Structure formats: structure tokens, C-alpha cells
Amino acid sequence: MEDNPTSWFMRITVTILFLFLLAPVLLVFPISFSGDQILAFPPSSWSLRWYEALLGNNVMMSAFLTSLGLASVVTVLSLIIAIPASYAIVRLKVTGSEFLFNLFTAPLLLPTIVLGLAILIIFASMGLLATFTGLVIGHLVITLPYALRVLSVSLGNLSLACEEAASSLGAKPLAVFGKVTLPMMAPGIVAATALCFLVSFDEVVITLFLTGPRMTTLPVELFHHVESQADPLVASVSVLLILMTLAVVMIVDRTMGLTKAMASGRAVSMSTVADAT
């Protein structure tokens, strides 16, 4: 069956929309290799000077290491809290589980600037501003709801048959959870890990309220850099962040497959929209 003109029009329209959305990302790559002193496209000369400048920028590299360590710690803590919490809510159905689920996921519905201001007011009286502990707690507020939703959806979509079979054969509840339930939750755990890491690493708004001269993260340091200078160093950092994000996506794809891992993520997005409306 031949394609009609309407079908071709839709394909062309979708292609143009994709190019429009990807244009800023695609332009970052050539600009990062610019030899110019300011941001300009197309570059008048080509050079690796801005990558060299990035490696020689101690403040930026220190902020990168802080962001990397922060995202790793926050991701691990999010999983440690969200896995048993999702099991208690979905499988055990403890008293008030629906209320607890809505309470833990409420930060997803709040504007981040309001959330950041509230955390600032509380942390200021506790002496947690510009500390690694304060950043971890602040980021947990926004990553934990994502992890809890992803894992709850993943667990809710699993059949009870395997767990009931293991229990009927004499396996203890802890053994059933560790050897049956947890492996079946693997796609959701991988999706939650990737999501929490990227959300924490890229977080700017809340982090702006919690950082200071003593400690800062890469997105915040990049924000301050753009305020004072407009050079291709920003583009070189952006390229590295894009490559890191692609690396995380490829790891997810190689380990569990994007279809399995992101199925929970899509369900979470739809659930969040439904709650918001």
C-alpha cells in the first residue's frame, strides 16, 4: 500500500520537530571545539583549548567530583529507603500506606523553588547549609519520590504467583523477598537507579539554596560561570554531561534493556500527571 500525501506530511513535520528540539544539543558539540574567546556559531577557528581549560579549572573539577559523589550517595540511599518502603506499601499494605505513599511523593507536585526555599529555612536553623550532609538530605527529598513511584509501579505489575509458590514450598518471607521478589524487581531498580542519579546530578534550583563558597556542585558552578563569562567552556562541560547521560542510558540498555527499564518510568510519569490534574 502506497503512502498518501498526509502520511508524508506527518513524517516531514515530525522530522522537523525532532530537529528543532535537538538543534541546541547538536550545536553544543561544534561550539565546544571553538578556538574563539566567546560563544559564537559557526566558530572562526577550531581548538581543544576549552577542554584543556576545563581540566585545568580546579574549581570546576572539584564541583564535578562533588556532584558525582553526591549523586552516587543519594542514589544508594534512595534505593535503600524506597525498596522496603515500596514493598510495605504494595505487598504488605500496612495501615495508612496510601497516605504514606502520597506524603512521600508530594514533593513531585511542588514547584522546586518553593521546595528549595522551605528546605533553606529549615536547614539554616540546623547548620546544614553548604554541607555535604545537607545536600544529600535536600536531594533525597526530590529523588526519593521518583524511586518510590518507579519501584511501586514495578512491584505492583509483578504477579504474586512466584512469591506464593515459594512460600508454599516453605521459604521464609525474607528468603522470598531476597530470592524471588527482588530479582523480579530488577528492571524497576535499574530504572530507579538511573533516574535518581541523573536527577540528583543535574539538580540546580534546590542546590542553589543549599550550596555556598565552601561547597558547590557542577550545575551550580556552571550557572555562576555563565553569569560572569560567555565562553565555550560552557559548551565543553555540556558535551561531557551529554556523553555521561548517554553512557547511563547505554548501561541501562545493556543490562536490562530500555523497554523493560523505562516501562516503569513511563507509568510513573502518567501517574504523576494524573495526581497533578
C-alpha atoms as a PDB file:
ATOM      1  CA  MET A   1       0.000   0.000   0.000  1.00  0.00           C
ATOM      2  CA  GLU A   2       1.453   3.344  -1.084  1.00  0.00           C
ATOM      3  CA  ASP A   3       1.825   6.191   1.352  1.00  0.00           C
ATOM      4  CA  ASN A   4      -0.642   9.016   0.873  1.00  0.00           C
ATOM      5  CA  PRO A   5       0.354  12.716   0.938  1.00  0.00           C
ATOM      6  CA  THR A   6      -0.964  13.107   4.501  1.00  0.00           C
ATOM      7  CA  SER A   7       1.381  10.381   5.759  1.00  0.00           C
ATOM      8  CA  TRP A   8       4.386  12.047   4.114  1.00  0.00           C
ATOM      9  CA  PHE A   9       3.357  15.412   5.547  1.00  0.00           C
ATOM     10  CA  MET A  10       3.213  13.934   9.064  1.00  0.00           C
ATOM     11  CA  ARG A  11       6.632  12.320   8.670  1.00  0.00           C
ATOM     12  CA  ILE A  12       8.202  15.562   7.480  1.00  0.00           C
ATOM     13  CA  THR A  13       6.530  17.501  10.301  1.00  0.00           C
ATOM     14  CA  VAL A  14       7.756  15.066  12.953  1.00  0.00           C
ATOM     15  CA  THR A  15      11.277  15.159  11.488  1.00  0.00           C
ATOM     16  CA  ILE A  16      11.324  18.966  11.578  1.00  0.00           C
ATOM     17  CA  LEU A  17      10.092  18.951  15.190  1.00  0.00           C
ATOM     18  CA  PHE A  18      12.805  16.464  16.208  1.00  0.00           C
ATOM     19  CA  LEU A  19      15.492  18.573  14.535  1.00  0.00           C
ATOM     20  CA  PHE A  20      14.140  21.691  16.246  1.00  0.00           C
ATOM     21  CA  LEU A  21      14.291  20.005  19.658  1.00  0.00           C
ATOM     22  CA  LEU A  22      17.742  18.508  19.063  1.00  0.00           C
ATOM     23  CA  ALA A  23      19.272  21.625  17.471  1.00  0.00           C
ATOM     24  CA  PRO A  24      20.594  23.125  20.760  1.00  0.00           C
ATOM     25  CA  VAL A  25      22.193  19.785  21.686  1.00  0.00           C
ATOM     26  CA  LEU A  26      23.741  19.330  18.251  1.00  0.00           C
ATOM     27  CA  LEU A  27      25.107  22.903  18.172  1.00  0.00           C
ATOM     28  CA  VAL A  28      26.877  22.413  21.503  1.00  0.00           C
ATOM     29  CA  PHE A  29      29.316  19.886  20.005  1.00  0.00           C
ATOM     30  CA  PRO A  30      30.941  22.109  17.340  1.00  0.00           C
ATOM     31  CA  ILE A  31      30.941  25.118  19.684  1.00  0.00           C
ATOM     32  CA  SER A  32      32.875  23.108  22.290  1.00  0.00           C
ATOM     33  CA  PHE A  33      35.737  22.768  19.785  1.00  0.00           C
ATOM     34  CA  SER A  34      35.799  26.502  19.079  1.00  0.00           C
ATOM     35  CA  GLY A  35      39.046  28.427  19.298  1.00  0.00           C
ATOM     36  CA  ASP A  36      37.189  31.710  19.846  1.00  0.00           C
ATOM     37  CA  GLN A  37      37.174  33.636  23.085  1.00  0.00           C
ATOM     38  CA  ILE A  38      33.381  33.960  23.172  1.00  0.00           C
ATOM     39  CA  LEU A  39      30.403  31.805  22.258  1.00  0.00           C
ATOM     40  CA  ALA A  40      29.807  32.065  18.539  1.00  0.00           C
ATOM     41  CA  PHE A  41      28.452  29.850  15.768  1.00  0.00           C
ATOM     42  CA  PRO A  42      29.934  28.923  13.460  1.00  0.00           C
ATOM     43  CA  PRO A  43      33.378  29.090  15.149  1.00  0.00           C
ATOM     44  CA  SER A  44      36.038  31.053  13.300  1.00  0.00           C
ATOM     45  CA  SER A  45      38.718  28.547  14.348  1.00  0.00           C
ATOM     46  CA  TRP A  46      38.927  25.073  15.868  1.00  0.00           C
ATOM     47  CA  SER A  47      40.758  24.023  19.019  1.00  0.00           C
ATOM     48  CA  LEU A  48      40.727  21.792  22.089  1.00  0.00           C
ATOM     49  CA  ARG A  49      41.630  24.739  24.308  1.00  0.00           C
ATOM     50  CA  TRP A  50      38.357  24.728  26.230  1.00  0.00           C
ATOM     51  CA  TYR A  51      38.625  21.052  27.127  1.00  0.00           C
ATOM     52  CA  GLU A  52      42.156  21.759  28.331  1.00  0.00           C
ATOM     53  CA  ALA A  53      40.856  24.783  30.246  1.00  0.00           C
ATOM     54  CA  LEU A  54      38.192  22.596  31.846  1.00  0.00           C
ATOM     55  CA  LEU A  55      40.736  20.021  33.001  1.00  0.00           C
ATOM     56  CA  GLY A  56      42.887  22.826  34.398  1.00  0.00           C
ATOM     57  CA  ASN A  57      39.982  24.509  36.192  1.00  0.00           C
ATOM     58  CA  ASN A  58      40.312  23.234  39.761  1.00  0.00           C
ATOM     59  CA  VAL A  59      37.027  24.785  40.900  1.00  0.00           C
ATOM     60  CA  MET A  60      35.048  23.164  38.091  1.00  0.00           C
ATOM     61  CA  MET A  61      36.716  19.765  38.547  1.00  0.00           C
ATOM     62  CA  SER A  62      36.138  19.890  42.299  1.00  0.00           C
ATOM     63  CA  ALA A  63      32.475  20.701  41.682  1.00  0.00           C
ATOM     64  CA  PHE A  64      32.248  17.767  39.241  1.00  0.00           C
ATOM     65  CA  LEU A  65      33.660  15.339  41.823  1.00  0.00           C
ATOM     66  CA  THR A  66      31.240  16.712  44.422  1.00  0.00           C
ATOM     67  CA  SER A  67      28.302  16.210  42.050  1.00  0.00           C
ATOM     68  CA  LEU A  68      29.459  12.701  41.196  1.00  0.00           C
ATOM     69  CA  GLY A  69      29.858  11.686  44.830  1.00  0.00           C
ATOM     70  CA  LEU A  70      26.619  13.393  45.830  1.00  0.00           C
ATOM     71  CA  ALA A  71      24.583  11.709  43.073  1.00  0.00           C
ATOM     72  CA  SER A  72      26.073   8.304  43.945  1.00  0.00           C
ATOM     73  CA  VAL A  73      25.318   8.607  47.673  1.00  0.00           C
ATOM     74  CA  VAL A  74      21.818   9.976  47.050  1.00  0.00           C
ATOM     75  CA  THR A  75      21.043   7.170  44.582  1.00  0.00           C
ATOM     76  CA  VAL A  76      22.146   4.453  47.003  1.00  0.00           C
ATOM     77  CA  LEU A  77      20.194   5.971  49.906  1.00  0.00           C
ATOM     78  CA  SER A  78      17.105   6.429  47.711  1.00  0.00           C
ATOM     79  CA  LEU A  79      17.137   2.727  46.803  1.00  0.00           C
ATOM     80  CA  ILE A  80      17.796   1.611  50.386  1.00  0.00           C
ATOM     81  CA  ILE A  81      14.753   3.561  51.560  1.00  0.00           C
ATOM     82  CA  ALA A  82      12.458   3.079  48.557  1.00  0.00           C
ATOM     83  CA  ILE A  83      12.804  -0.701  48.096  1.00  0.00           C
ATOM     84  CA  PRO A  84      11.468  -1.730  51.545  1.00  0.00           C
ATOM     85  CA  ALA A  85       9.018   1.199  51.532  1.00  0.00           C
ATOM     86  CA  SER A  86       7.510   0.169  48.194  1.00  0.00           C
ATOM     87  CA  TYR A  87       7.282  -3.451  49.382  1.00  0.00           C
ATOM     88  CA  ALA A  88       5.493  -2.403  52.573  1.00  0.00           C
ATOM     89  CA  ILE A  89       3.063  -0.196  50.632  1.00  0.00           C
ATOM     90  CA  VAL A  90       2.317  -2.549  47.717  1.00  0.00           C
ATOM     91  CA  ARG A  91       2.676  -6.046  49.196  1.00  0.00           C
ATOM     92  CA  LEU A  92       2.135  -5.700  52.942  1.00  0.00           C
ATOM     93  CA  LYS A  93      -0.452  -2.925  52.580  1.00  0.00           C
ATOM     94  CA  VAL A  94       0.315  -1.522  56.024  1.00  0.00           C
ATOM     95  CA  THR A  95      -2.181   0.764  57.744  1.00  0.00           C
ATOM     96  CA  GLY A  96      -2.116   4.205  56.153  1.00  0.00           C
ATOM     97  CA  SER A  97       0.017   3.009  53.231  1.00  0.00           C
ATOM     98  CA  GLU A  98      -1.876   5.159  50.731  1.00  0.00           C
ATOM     99  CA  PHE A  99      -1.409   8.230  52.917  1.00  0.00           C
ATOM    100  CA  LEU A 100       2.318   7.483  53.330  1.00  0.00           C
ATOM    101  CA  PHE A 101       2.723   6.980  49.586  1.00  0.00           C
ATOM    102  CA  ASN A 102       1.062  10.315  48.825  1.00  0.00           C
ATOM    103  CA  LEU A 103       3.130  12.015  51.542  1.00  0.00           C
ATOM    104  CA  PHE A 104       6.458  10.677  50.243  1.00  0.00           C
ATOM    105  CA  THR A 105       5.650  11.559  46.631  1.00  0.00           C
ATOM    106  CA  ALA A 106       4.173  15.018  47.384  1.00  0.00           C
ATOM    107  CA  PRO A 107       7.433  16.862  46.510  1.00  0.00           C
ATOM    108  CA  LEU A 108       6.883  15.872  42.864  1.00  0.00           C
ATOM    109  CA  LEU A 109       3.854  18.153  42.774  1.00  0.00           C
ATOM    110  CA  LEU A 110       5.524  21.196  44.375  1.00  0.00           C
ATOM    111  CA  PRO A 111       7.465  23.864  42.450  1.00  0.00           C
ATOM    112  CA  THR A 112      11.162  23.274  43.072  1.00  0.00           C
ATOM    113  CA  ILE A 113      11.756  26.907  44.024  1.00  0.00           C
ATOM    114  CA  VAL A 114       9.133  26.643  46.788  1.00  0.00           C
ATOM    115  CA  LEU A 115      10.643  23.378  47.943  1.00  0.00           C
ATOM    116  CA  GLY A 116      14.137  24.867  47.886  1.00  0.00           C
ATOM    117  CA  LEU A 117      13.063  27.888  49.946  1.00  0.00           C
ATOM    118  CA  ALA A 118      11.367  25.667  52.529  1.00  0.00           C
ATOM    119  CA  ILE A 119      14.479  23.476  52.832  1.00  0.00           C
ATOM    120  CA  LEU A 120      16.651  26.598  53.146  1.00  0.00           C
ATOM    121  CA  ILE A 121      14.591  27.921  56.067  1.00  0.00           C
ATOM    122  CA  ILE A 122      14.758  24.603  57.911  1.00  0.00           C
ATOM    123  CA  PHE A 123      18.437  23.893  57.193  1.00  0.00           C
ATOM    124  CA  ALA A 124      19.535  27.411  58.178  1.00  0.00           C
ATOM    125  CA  SER A 125      18.477  26.780  61.775  1.00  0.00           C
ATOM    126  CA  MET A 126      20.127  23.338  61.773  1.00  0.00           C
ATOM    127  CA  GLY A 127      23.500  24.448  60.388  1.00  0.00           C
ATOM    128  CA  LEU A 128      23.233  22.205  57.322  1.00  0.00           C
ATOM    129  CA  LEU A 129      23.764  24.870  54.656  1.00  0.00           C
ATOM    130  CA  ALA A 130      26.807  24.389  52.403  1.00  0.00           C
ATOM    131  CA  THR A 131      27.454  20.922  53.854  1.00  0.00           C
ATOM    132  CA  PHE A 132      27.562  17.554  52.120  1.00  0.00           C
ATOM    133  CA  THR A 133      25.019  16.152  54.581  1.00  0.00           C
ATOM    134  CA  GLY A 134      22.626  18.993  53.830  1.00  0.00           C
ATOM    135  CA  LEU A 135      22.970  18.444  50.084  1.00  0.00           C
ATOM    136  CA  VAL A 136      22.319  14.712  50.476  1.00  0.00           C
ATOM    137  CA  ILE A 137      19.152  15.297  52.511  1.00  0.00           C
ATOM    138  CA  GLY A 138      17.978  18.039  50.140  1.00  0.00           C
ATOM    139  CA  HIS A 139      18.461  15.843  47.086  1.00  0.00           C
ATOM    140  CA  LEU A 140      16.783  12.889  48.796  1.00  0.00           C
ATOM    141  CA  VAL A 141      13.642  14.992  49.063  1.00  0.00           C
ATOM    142  CA  ILE A 142      13.383  15.068  45.256  1.00  0.00           C
ATOM    143  CA  THR A 143      14.885  11.687  44.284  1.00  0.00           C
ATOM    144  CA  LEU A 144      13.085   9.513  46.825  1.00  0.00           C
ATOM    145  CA  PRO A 145       9.612  10.195  45.333  1.00  0.00           C
ATOM    146  CA  TYR A 146      10.875   9.113  41.886  1.00  0.00           C
ATOM    147  CA  ALA A 147      12.435   5.942  43.272  1.00  0.00           C
ATOM    148  CA  LEU A 148       9.349   5.108  45.328  1.00  0.00           C
ATOM    149  CA  ARG A 149       6.992   5.602  42.394  1.00  0.00           C
ATOM    150  CA  VAL A 150       9.123   3.599  39.945  1.00  0.00           C
ATOM    151  CA  LEU A 151       9.589   0.702  42.364  1.00  0.00           C
ATOM    152  CA  SER A 152       5.936   0.714  43.476  1.00  0.00           C
ATOM    153  CA  VAL A 153       4.747   0.546  39.875  1.00  0.00           C
ATOM    154  CA  SER A 154       7.308  -2.171  39.100  1.00  0.00           C
ATOM    155  CA  LEU A 155       6.285  -4.220  42.130  1.00  0.00           C
ATOM    156  CA  GLY A 156       2.587  -3.676  41.507  1.00  0.00           C
ATOM    157  CA  ASN A 157       2.916  -5.088  37.979  1.00  0.00           C
ATOM    158  CA  LEU A 158       4.528  -8.313  39.218  1.00  0.00           C
ATOM    159  CA  SER A 159       2.438 -11.437  39.620  1.00  0.00           C
ATOM    160  CA  LEU A 160       2.124 -12.913  43.111  1.00  0.00           C
ATOM    161  CA  ALA A 161       2.256 -16.453  41.723  1.00  0.00           C
ATOM    162  CA  CYS A 162       6.021 -16.936  42.094  1.00  0.00           C
ATOM    163  CA  GLU A 163       6.095 -15.485  45.607  1.00  0.00           C
ATOM    164  CA  GLU A 164       3.116 -17.614  46.691  1.00  0.00           C
ATOM    165  CA  ALA A 165       4.738 -20.700  45.195  1.00  0.00           C
ATOM    166  CA  ALA A 166       7.972 -20.056  47.095  1.00  0.00           C
ATOM    167  CA  SER A 167       6.032 -19.519  50.330  1.00  0.00           C
ATOM    168  CA  SER A 168       4.019 -22.702  49.825  1.00  0.00           C
ATOM    169  CA  LEU A 169       7.289 -24.646  49.477  1.00  0.00           C
ATOM    170  CA  GLY A 170       8.424 -23.466  52.890  1.00  0.00           C
ATOM    171  CA  ALA A 171      10.520 -20.411  52.080  1.00  0.00           C
ATOM    172  CA  LYS A 172      10.577 -17.755  54.790  1.00  0.00           C
ATOM    173  CA  PRO A 173       9.295 -14.243  53.953  1.00  0.00           C
ATOM    174  CA  LEU A 174      12.811 -12.767  53.951  1.00  0.00           C
ATOM    175  CA  ALA A 175      14.050 -15.530  51.619  1.00  0.00           C
ATOM    176  CA  VAL A 176      11.074 -14.977  49.304  1.00  0.00           C
ATOM    177  CA  PHE A 177      11.834 -11.256  49.145  1.00  0.00           C
ATOM    178  CA  GLY A 178      15.584 -11.717  48.559  1.00  0.00           C
ATOM    179  CA  LYS A 179      15.496 -14.619  46.117  1.00  0.00           C
ATOM    180  CA  VAL A 180      12.196 -14.125  44.290  1.00  0.00           C
ATOM    181  CA  THR A 181      10.767 -10.620  44.634  1.00  0.00           C
ATOM    182  CA  LEU A 182      13.990  -8.620  44.424  1.00  0.00           C
ATOM    183  CA  PRO A 183      15.274 -10.288  41.214  1.00  0.00           C
ATOM    184  CA  MET A 184      11.883  -9.748  39.566  1.00  0.00           C
ATOM    185  CA  MET A 185      12.082  -6.061  40.525  1.00  0.00           C
ATOM    186  CA  ALA A 186      15.462  -5.716  38.752  1.00  0.00           C
ATOM    187  CA  PRO A 187      14.146  -3.686  35.756  1.00  0.00           C
ATOM    188  CA  GLY A 188      12.461  -1.225  38.108  1.00  0.00           C
ATOM    189  CA  ILE A 189      15.564  -0.993  40.294  1.00  0.00           C
ATOM    190  CA  VAL A 190      17.764  -0.249  37.271  1.00  0.00           C
ATOM    191  CA  ALA A 191      15.310   2.402  36.056  1.00  0.00           C
ATOM    192  CA  ALA A 192      15.116   3.978  39.530  1.00  0.00           C
ATOM    193  CA  THR A 193      18.913   3.981  39.827  1.00  0.00           C
ATOM    194  CA  ALA A 194      19.403   5.757  36.507  1.00  0.00           C
ATOM    195  CA  LEU A 195      16.605   8.239  37.207  1.00  0.00           C
ATOM    196  CA  CYS A 196      17.780   9.117  40.725  1.00  0.00           C
ATOM    197  CA  PHE A 197      21.393   9.540  39.633  1.00  0.00           C
ATOM    198  CA  LEU A 198      20.558  11.846  36.722  1.00  0.00           C
ATOM    199  CA  VAL A 199      18.017  13.886  38.714  1.00  0.00           C
ATOM    200  CA  SER A 200      20.485  14.406  41.556  1.00  0.00           C
ATOM    201  CA  PHE A 201      23.454  15.152  39.294  1.00  0.00           C
ATOM    202  CA  ASP A 202      21.531  17.724  37.223  1.00  0.00           C
ATOM    203  CA  GLU A 203      19.634  19.389  40.083  1.00  0.00           C
ATOM    204  CA  VAL A 204      20.156  23.165  40.096  1.00  0.00           C
ATOM    205  CA  VAL A 205      17.271  25.022  41.752  1.00  0.00           C
ATOM    206  CA  ILE A 206      17.261  23.345  45.167  1.00  0.00           C
ATOM    207  CA  THR A 207      21.057  23.073  45.170  1.00  0.00           C
ATOM    208  CA  LEU A 208      21.356  26.842  44.668  1.00  0.00           C
ATOM    209  CA  PHE A 209      19.670  27.335  48.048  1.00  0.00           C
ATOM    210  CA  LEU A 210      21.967  24.863  49.818  1.00  0.00           C
ATOM    211  CA  THR A 211      25.454  25.496  48.411  1.00  0.00           C
ATOM    212  CA  GLY A 212      27.987  28.162  49.310  1.00  0.00           C
ATOM    213  CA  PRO A 213      31.659  29.109  48.958  1.00  0.00           C
ATOM    214  CA  ARG A 214      32.702  26.019  50.930  1.00  0.00           C
ATOM    215  CA  MET A 215      30.878  23.512  48.726  1.00  0.00           C
ATOM    216  CA  THR A 216      29.200  23.622  45.328  1.00  0.00           C
ATOM    217  CA  THR A 217      28.119  21.247  42.567  1.00  0.00           C
ATOM    218  CA  LEU A 218      28.876  21.272  38.851  1.00  0.00           C
ATOM    219  CA  PRO A 219      25.461  22.579  37.659  1.00  0.00           C
ATOM    220  CA  VAL A 220      25.600  25.415  40.202  1.00  0.00           C
ATOM    221  CA  GLU A 221      29.219  26.260  39.371  1.00  0.00           C
ATOM    222  CA  LEU A 222      28.308  26.241  35.674  1.00  0.00           C
ATOM    223  CA  PHE A 223      25.393  28.572  36.419  1.00  0.00           C
ATOM    224  CA  HIS A 224      27.698  31.024  38.217  1.00  0.00           C
ATOM    225  CA  HIS A 225      30.243  30.778  35.391  1.00  0.00           C
ATOM    226  CA  VAL A 226      27.637  31.743  32.782  1.00  0.00           C
ATOM    227  CA  GLU A 227      26.633  34.740  34.893  1.00  0.00           C
ATOM    228  CA  SER A 228      30.127  36.234  34.610  1.00  0.00           C
ATOM    229  CA  GLN A 229      31.527  34.814  31.360  1.00  0.00           C
ATOM    230  CA  ALA A 230      30.209  33.655  27.994  1.00  0.00           C
ATOM    231  CA  ASP A 231      32.944  31.430  26.632  1.00  0.00           C
ATOM    232  CA  PRO A 232      32.897  27.959  25.002  1.00  0.00           C
ATOM    233  CA  LEU A 233      33.926  26.372  28.313  1.00  0.00           C
ATOM    234  CA  VAL A 234      30.204  26.049  28.964  1.00  0.00           C
ATOM    235  CA  ALA A 235      29.807  24.087  25.743  1.00  0.00           C
ATOM    236  CA  SER A 236      32.658  21.712  26.605  1.00  0.00           C
ATOM    237  CA  VAL A 237      31.094  20.963  30.001  1.00  0.00           C
ATOM    238  CA  SER A 238      27.714  20.456  28.323  1.00  0.00           C
ATOM    239  CA  VAL A 239      29.197  17.955  25.871  1.00  0.00           C
ATOM    240  CA  LEU A 240      30.677  15.924  28.711  1.00  0.00           C
ATOM    241  CA  LEU A 241      27.341  15.952  30.556  1.00  0.00           C
ATOM    242  CA  ILE A 242      25.516  14.803  27.425  1.00  0.00           C
ATOM    243  CA  LEU A 243      28.007  11.970  26.944  1.00  0.00           C
ATOM    244  CA  MET A 244      27.644  10.960  30.587  1.00  0.00           C
ATOM    245  CA  THR A 245      23.855  10.843  30.232  1.00  0.00           C
ATOM    246  CA  LEU A 246      24.180   8.725  27.093  1.00  0.00           C
ATOM    247  CA  ALA A 247      26.556   6.415  28.952  1.00  0.00           C
ATOM    248  CA  VAL A 248      23.977   5.910  31.722  1.00  0.00           C
ATOM    249  CA  VAL A 249      21.276   5.182  29.129  1.00  0.00           C
ATOM    250  CA  MET A 250      23.550   2.690  27.336  1.00  0.00           C
ATOM    251  CA  ILE A 251      24.355   0.922  30.607  1.00  0.00           C
ATOM    252  CA  VAL A 252      20.632   0.590  31.307  1.00  0.00           C
ATOM    253  CA  ASP A 253      20.056  -0.699  27.785  1.00  0.00           C
ATOM    254  CA  ARG A 254      22.884  -3.245  28.024  1.00  0.00           C
ATOM    255  CA  THR A 255      21.905  -4.531  31.457  1.00  0.00           C
ATOM    256  CA  MET A 256      18.104  -4.713  31.333  1.00  0.00           C
ATOM    257  CA  GLY A 257      17.002  -3.190  28.025  1.00  0.00           C
ATOM    258  CA  LEU A 258      15.410   0.244  27.737  1.00  0.00           C
ATOM    259  CA  THR A 259      11.953  -1.197  27.036  1.00  0.00           C
ATOM    260  CA  LYS A 260      11.807  -3.072  30.342  1.00  0.00           C
ATOM    261  CA  ALA A 261      13.553  -0.476  32.455  1.00  0.00           C
ATOM    262  CA  MET A 262      11.726   2.567  31.130  1.00  0.00           C
ATOM    263  CA  ALA A 263       8.278   0.942  31.189  1.00  0.00           C
ATOM    264  CA  SER A 264       8.104   1.730  34.893  1.00  0.00           C
ATOM    265  CA  GLY A 265       9.323   5.268  34.226  1.00  0.00           C
ATOM    266  CA  ARG A 266       6.525   5.889  31.730  1.00  0.00           C
ATOM    267  CA  ALA A 267       3.949   4.577  34.170  1.00  0.00           C
ATOM    268  CA  VAL A 268       5.353   6.869  36.846  1.00  0.00           C
ATOM    269  CA  SER A 269       5.094   9.906  34.548  1.00  0.00           C
ATOM    270  CA  MET A 270       1.449   9.111  33.747  1.00  0.00           C
ATOM    271  CA  SER A 271       0.697   8.580  37.437  1.00  0.00           C
ATOM    272  CA  THR A 272       2.315  11.900  38.358  1.00  0.00           C
ATOM    273  CA  VAL A 273       0.309  13.751  35.713  1.00  0.00           C
ATOM    274  CA  ALA A 274      -2.888  12.093  36.933  1.00  0.00           C
ATOM    275  CA  ASP A 275      -2.161  13.184  40.507  1.00  0.00           C
ATOM    276  CA  ALA A 276      -1.405  16.732  39.384  1.00  0.00           C
ATOM    277  CA  THR A 277      -4.694  17.005  37.496  1.00  0.00           C
END
